[in-house]
Amino acid sequence: MRYRFENQNQIFDLEDGDIAILPISKWKKGCWAEIPALVYPKDEPVLIEKLKACKEYGLTDIVCENISALAIGRELGLKMHGGLYLNILNAESLSAYAEMGLADACLSMELSFNEAKKIKPSIPVGFVIYGYLPLMKFRACPGDCKLCKGQSVITDRLGEKFTLICRERKYSELLNSVPLYVGDKQIPRCSFTELYFTTETADEAKKIAEIARAGGEFYSRKTGGLYYRELL
């Protein structure tokens, strides 16, 4: 299993073979580094220098959430893994990314499991099976920067609460009000599954990981996302 954490404080004791992923801004030795989904051209030199510095301390693998990260990864000689937000929906796009250098990839959360079963993968693939996943990204944040401490909550007209996460004051992400969870379902044959942690504490993350590993039912509200629905 792979675990994407928002920060180091969420990391619990993992089992042998499991992978921890952290955003590059919060990376620590022994983890893979997630490249931001949005990196503006003027910020690329800073990102490259950060990656170079991390590589000197042992960074070997990066998770690419944007196509531009692949060019950077190739340049620095890092092993590259495709993230959820490459939005890989079919075998053709998967093969194209493999030719660009991906070692493996998460398939899109917008891809139904029925369609996923039809794909003959050219590289290993996996699925995110848990997470408060981002619904959208904002260049102009709807939150109040003066009051923001990195995370805030906004409420819609129905009373649903959505977490808003600031990404280094470059952009913000609005998380879904309920988490995706399909750990108790029959998942198409794959090489790995990923749990995508954002706002959870270490204890909560560990509990969710134990439930998912056992194939148990989730203890609260959840969504199956589009895995069991068709967009077209």
Protein backbone atom coordinates (compact mmCIF):
# COMPACT_ATOMS: atom_id res chain seq x y z
CA MET A 1 0.00 0.00 0.00
CA ARG A 2 0.99 3.59 -0.55
CA TYR A 3 0.15 6.37 1.87
CA ARG A 4 0.09 9.99 0.80
CA PHE A 5 0.48 12.22 3.86
CA GLU A 6 -0.03 15.96 4.14
CA ASN A 7 2.71 16.36 6.73
CA GLN A 8 5.26 14.37 8.74
CA ASN A 9 3.12 14.39 11.90
CA GLN A 10 0.57 12.08 10.27
CA ILE A 11 3.03 9.29 9.55
CA PHE A 12 2.54 6.13 11.61
CA ASP A 13 4.56 2.90 11.64
CA LEU A 14 4.20 1.34 8.20
CA GLU A 15 4.49 -2.31 7.29
CA ASP A 16 7.40 -3.61 5.24
CA GLY A 17 7.01 -2.70 1.60
CA ASP A 18 4.59 0.16 2.21
CA ILE A 19 5.43 3.59 0.79
CA ALA A 20 5.03 7.02 2.43
CA ILE A 21 4.60 10.06 0.17
CA LEU A 22 4.97 13.68 1.30
CA PRO A 23 4.68 17.00 -0.57
CA ILE A 24 8.15 18.12 -1.64
CA SER A 25 7.90 21.15 0.66
CA LYS A 26 7.58 18.78 3.66
CA TRP A 27 9.72 15.90 2.44
CA LYS A 28 11.82 13.79 4.79
CA LYS A 29 14.32 11.04 4.14
CA GLY A 30 12.83 7.64 3.40
CA CYS A 31 9.72 9.03 1.70
CA TRP A 32 8.80 9.73 -1.88
CA ALA A 33 8.22 13.39 -2.79
CA GLU A 34 5.00 14.65 -4.35
CA ILE A 35 5.46 17.40 -6.92
CA PRO A 36 2.67 20.02 -6.71
CA ALA A 37 -0.12 19.75 -9.21
CA LEU A 38 0.39 23.42 -10.10
CA VAL A 39 3.89 24.82 -10.55
CA TYR A 40 4.03 28.21 -12.26
CA PRO A 41 6.96 28.81 -14.65
CA LYS A 42 8.63 31.38 -12.41
CA ASP A 43 8.60 28.83 -9.55
CA GLU A 44 10.19 25.96 -11.49
CA PRO A 45 13.81 26.99 -10.75
CA VAL A 46 13.07 26.99 -7.01
CA LEU A 47 11.44 23.55 -7.27
CA ILE A 48 14.42 22.16 -9.19
CA GLU A 49 16.88 23.43 -6.57
CA LYS A 50 14.72 21.94 -3.81
CA LEU A 51 14.71 18.58 -5.58
CA LYS A 52 18.46 18.70 -6.08
CA ALA A 53 18.97 19.39 -2.38
CA CYS A 54 16.62 16.55 -1.39
CA LYS A 55 18.36 14.20 -3.83
CA GLU A 56 21.65 14.85 -2.02
CA TYR A 57 19.92 13.68 1.19
CA GLY A 58 18.56 10.50 -0.36
CA LEU A 59 15.49 11.36 -2.44
CA THR A 60 15.12 8.79 -5.23
CA ASP A 61 11.41 8.80 -6.18
CA ILE A 62 8.90 11.49 -7.03
CA VAL A 63 5.15 11.42 -7.63
CA CYS A 64 4.20 13.53 -10.65
CA GLU A 65 0.80 15.23 -10.42
CA ASN A 66 1.40 17.32 -13.54
CA ILE A 67 2.94 16.49 -16.91
CA SER A 68 5.58 19.20 -16.48
CA ALA A 69 7.06 17.30 -13.52
CA LEU A 70 8.16 14.47 -15.83
CA ALA A 71 10.65 16.68 -17.66
CA ILE A 72 12.10 17.81 -14.33
CA GLY A 73 12.27 14.24 -13.03
CA ARG A 74 14.07 13.01 -16.14
CA GLU A 75 16.53 15.89 -15.96
CA LEU A 76 17.41 15.06 -12.35
CA GLY A 77 17.49 11.28 -12.83
CA LEU A 78 14.68 10.57 -10.35
CA LYS A 79 12.34 7.59 -10.58
CA MET A 80 8.89 8.88 -11.50
CA HIS A 81 5.45 7.64 -10.47
CA GLY A 82 2.20 8.95 -11.92
CA GLY A 83 -0.14 10.61 -9.45
CA LEU A 84 -3.90 10.67 -9.37
CA TYR A 85 -4.15 14.08 -11.01
CA LEU A 86 -2.49 13.07 -14.26
CA ASN A 87 -6.07 11.87 -14.84
CA ILE A 88 -5.10 8.75 -16.79
CA LEU A 89 -8.31 7.34 -18.29
CA ASN A 90 -7.20 4.84 -20.92
CA ALA A 91 -4.41 2.58 -22.16
CA GLU A 92 -3.27 5.11 -24.78
CA SER A 93 -2.54 7.85 -22.25
CA LEU A 94 -0.94 5.32 -19.91
CA SER A 95 1.40 4.14 -22.68
CA ALA A 96 2.27 7.73 -23.58
CA TYR A 97 3.20 8.48 -19.99
CA ALA A 98 5.23 5.27 -19.83
CA GLU A 99 7.22 6.47 -22.85
CA MET A 100 7.86 9.73 -20.99
CA GLY A 101 9.41 7.76 -18.15
CA LEU A 102 6.75 6.81 -15.61
CA ALA A 103 7.53 3.61 -13.69
CA ASP A 104 3.87 3.16 -12.64
CA ALA A 105 0.74 5.25 -12.20
CA CYS A 106 -2.50 5.79 -10.33
CA LEU A 107 -5.47 5.62 -12.66
CA SER A 108 -7.94 8.49 -12.62
CA MET A 109 -10.61 8.71 -9.94
CA GLU A 110 -12.96 9.62 -12.82
CA LEU A 111 -12.44 6.19 -14.37
CA SER A 112 -15.08 3.64 -13.47
CA PHE A 113 -13.89 0.24 -12.32
CA ASN A 114 -15.78 -1.33 -15.24
CA GLU A 115 -13.73 0.73 -17.68
CA ALA A 116 -10.53 0.16 -15.70
CA LYS A 117 -10.92 -3.59 -16.14
CA LYS A 118 -10.72 -3.14 -19.92
CA ILE A 119 -7.30 -1.48 -19.80
CA LYS A 120 -4.29 -3.65 -20.59
CA PRO A 121 -1.62 -1.70 -18.68
CA SER A 122 1.83 -1.17 -20.17
CA ILE A 123 3.18 -0.31 -16.69
CA PRO A 124 1.93 -1.20 -13.16
CA VAL A 125 -1.20 0.69 -12.13
CA GLY A 126 -3.08 1.35 -8.91
CA PHE A 127 -6.08 3.14 -7.42
CA VAL A 128 -6.64 5.64 -4.64
CA ILE A 129 -9.12 3.91 -2.34
CA TYR A 130 -9.43 6.55 0.41
CA GLY A 131 -9.19 10.28 0.79
CA TYR A 132 -10.81 13.69 1.14
CA LEU A 133 -9.95 14.39 -2.48
CA PRO A 134 -9.63 17.90 -3.95
CA LEU A 135 -12.68 19.01 -5.90
CA MET A 136 -11.08 22.07 -7.44
CA LYS A 137 -8.10 24.40 -7.29
CA PHE A 138 -8.17 28.19 -6.95
CA ARG A 139 -5.64 30.75 -8.14
CA ALA A 140 -7.72 33.41 -6.39
CA CYS A 141 -8.51 31.81 -3.04
CA PRO A 142 -12.08 32.20 -1.72
CA GLY A 143 -10.77 32.19 1.86
CA ASP A 144 -9.53 35.05 4.02
CA CYS A 145 -5.72 35.21 3.89
CA LYS A 146 -5.55 37.37 7.02
CA LEU A 147 -7.20 34.65 9.10
CA CYS A 148 -5.77 31.62 7.30
CA LYS A 149 -3.33 29.30 9.06
CA GLY A 150 -2.91 26.97 6.10
CA GLN A 151 -6.29 25.26 6.44
CA SER A 152 -9.76 26.72 6.78
CA VAL A 153 -13.34 25.56 6.38
CA ILE A 154 -16.08 26.98 4.19
CA THR A 155 -19.76 26.00 4.38
CA ASP A 156 -22.23 25.78 1.51
CA ARG A 157 -25.91 26.67 1.56
CA LEU A 158 -26.85 23.13 2.66
CA GLY A 159 -24.55 23.26 5.67
CA GLU A 160 -21.90 20.96 4.20
CA LYS A 161 -18.39 21.82 5.36
CA PHE A 162 -15.44 21.76 2.96
CA THR A 163 -11.79 22.09 3.95
CA LEU A 164 -9.72 24.63 2.05
CA ILE A 165 -5.95 23.99 1.98
CA CYS A 166 -3.45 26.72 1.08
CA ARG A 167 -0.57 25.50 -1.09
CA GLU A 168 2.38 27.74 -0.20
CA ARG A 169 0.25 30.79 -1.10
CA LYS A 170 0.48 29.77 -4.76
CA TYR A 171 -3.00 28.27 -5.02
CA SER A 172 -5.57 26.59 -2.79
CA GLU A 173 -7.49 23.31 -2.96
CA LEU A 174 -11.06 22.65 -1.91
CA LEU A 175 -11.46 19.15 -0.45
CA ASN A 176 -14.65 17.14 -0.69
CA SER A 177 -16.92 17.25 2.35
CA VAL A 178 -16.86 13.44 2.66
CA PRO A 179 -14.02 11.04 1.91
CA LEU A 180 -13.77 8.55 -0.90
CA TYR A 181 -13.61 5.02 0.48
CA VAL A 182 -13.79 1.78 -1.47
CA GLY A 183 -11.53 -0.37 0.68
CA ASP A 184 -14.41 -2.74 1.35
CA LYS A 185 -15.21 -3.22 -2.35
CA GLN A 186 -13.92 -5.52 -5.06
CA ILE A 187 -11.18 -3.49 -6.73
CA PRO A 188 -9.93 -4.35 -10.25
CA ARG A 189 -6.65 -6.22 -10.34
CA CYS A 190 -3.83 -3.76 -9.73
CA SER A 191 -0.27 -3.48 -8.42
CA PHE A 192 -0.96 -1.12 -5.51
CA THR A 193 -3.61 0.87 -3.69
CA GLU A 194 -3.16 4.31 -2.15
CA LEU A 195 -4.67 6.09 0.83
CA TYR A 196 -4.65 9.87 0.40
CA PHE A 197 -4.43 11.63 3.76
CA THR A 198 -4.94 15.39 4.15
CA THR A 199 -6.60 16.56 7.39
CA GLU A 200 -6.41 13.34 9.44
CA THR A 201 -4.36 12.96 12.61
CA ALA A 202 -1.78 10.16 12.83
CA ASP A 203 -4.19 8.11 14.96
CA GLU A 204 -7.02 8.59 12.48
CA ALA A 205 -4.76 7.74 9.55
CA LYS A 206 -3.55 4.57 11.27
CA LYS A 207 -7.13 3.50 12.07
CA ILE A 208 -8.25 4.07 8.48
CA ALA A 209 -5.23 2.18 7.15
CA GLU A 210 -6.03 -0.80 9.38
CA ILE A 211 -9.66 -0.82 8.22
CA ALA A 212 -8.66 -0.57 4.56
CA ARG A 213 -6.00 -3.27 4.85
CA ALA A 214 -8.58 -5.62 6.38
CA GLY A 215 -11.17 -4.72 3.72
CA GLY A 216 -13.50 -3.42 6.41
CA GLU A 217 -16.40 -1.02 6.21
CA PHE A 218 -15.78 2.68 6.83
CA TYR A 219 -17.12 4.05 10.11
CA SER A 220 -18.58 7.33 8.87
CA ARG A 221 -20.05 9.05 5.83
CA LYS A 222 -18.27 8.26 2.59
CA THR A 223 -18.56 8.31 -1.18
CA GLY A 224 -17.62 5.78 -3.83
CA GLY A 225 -16.84 8.62 -6.21
CA LEU A 226 -17.10 7.74 -9.89
CA TYR A 227 -15.62 4.27 -9.55
CA TYR A 228 -19.11 2.77 -9.78
CA ARG A 229 -20.65 5.36 -12.10
CA GLU A 230 -20.07 6.25 -15.72
CA LEU A 231 -19.31 9.80 -16.87
CA LEU A 232 -20.51 9.07 -20.39
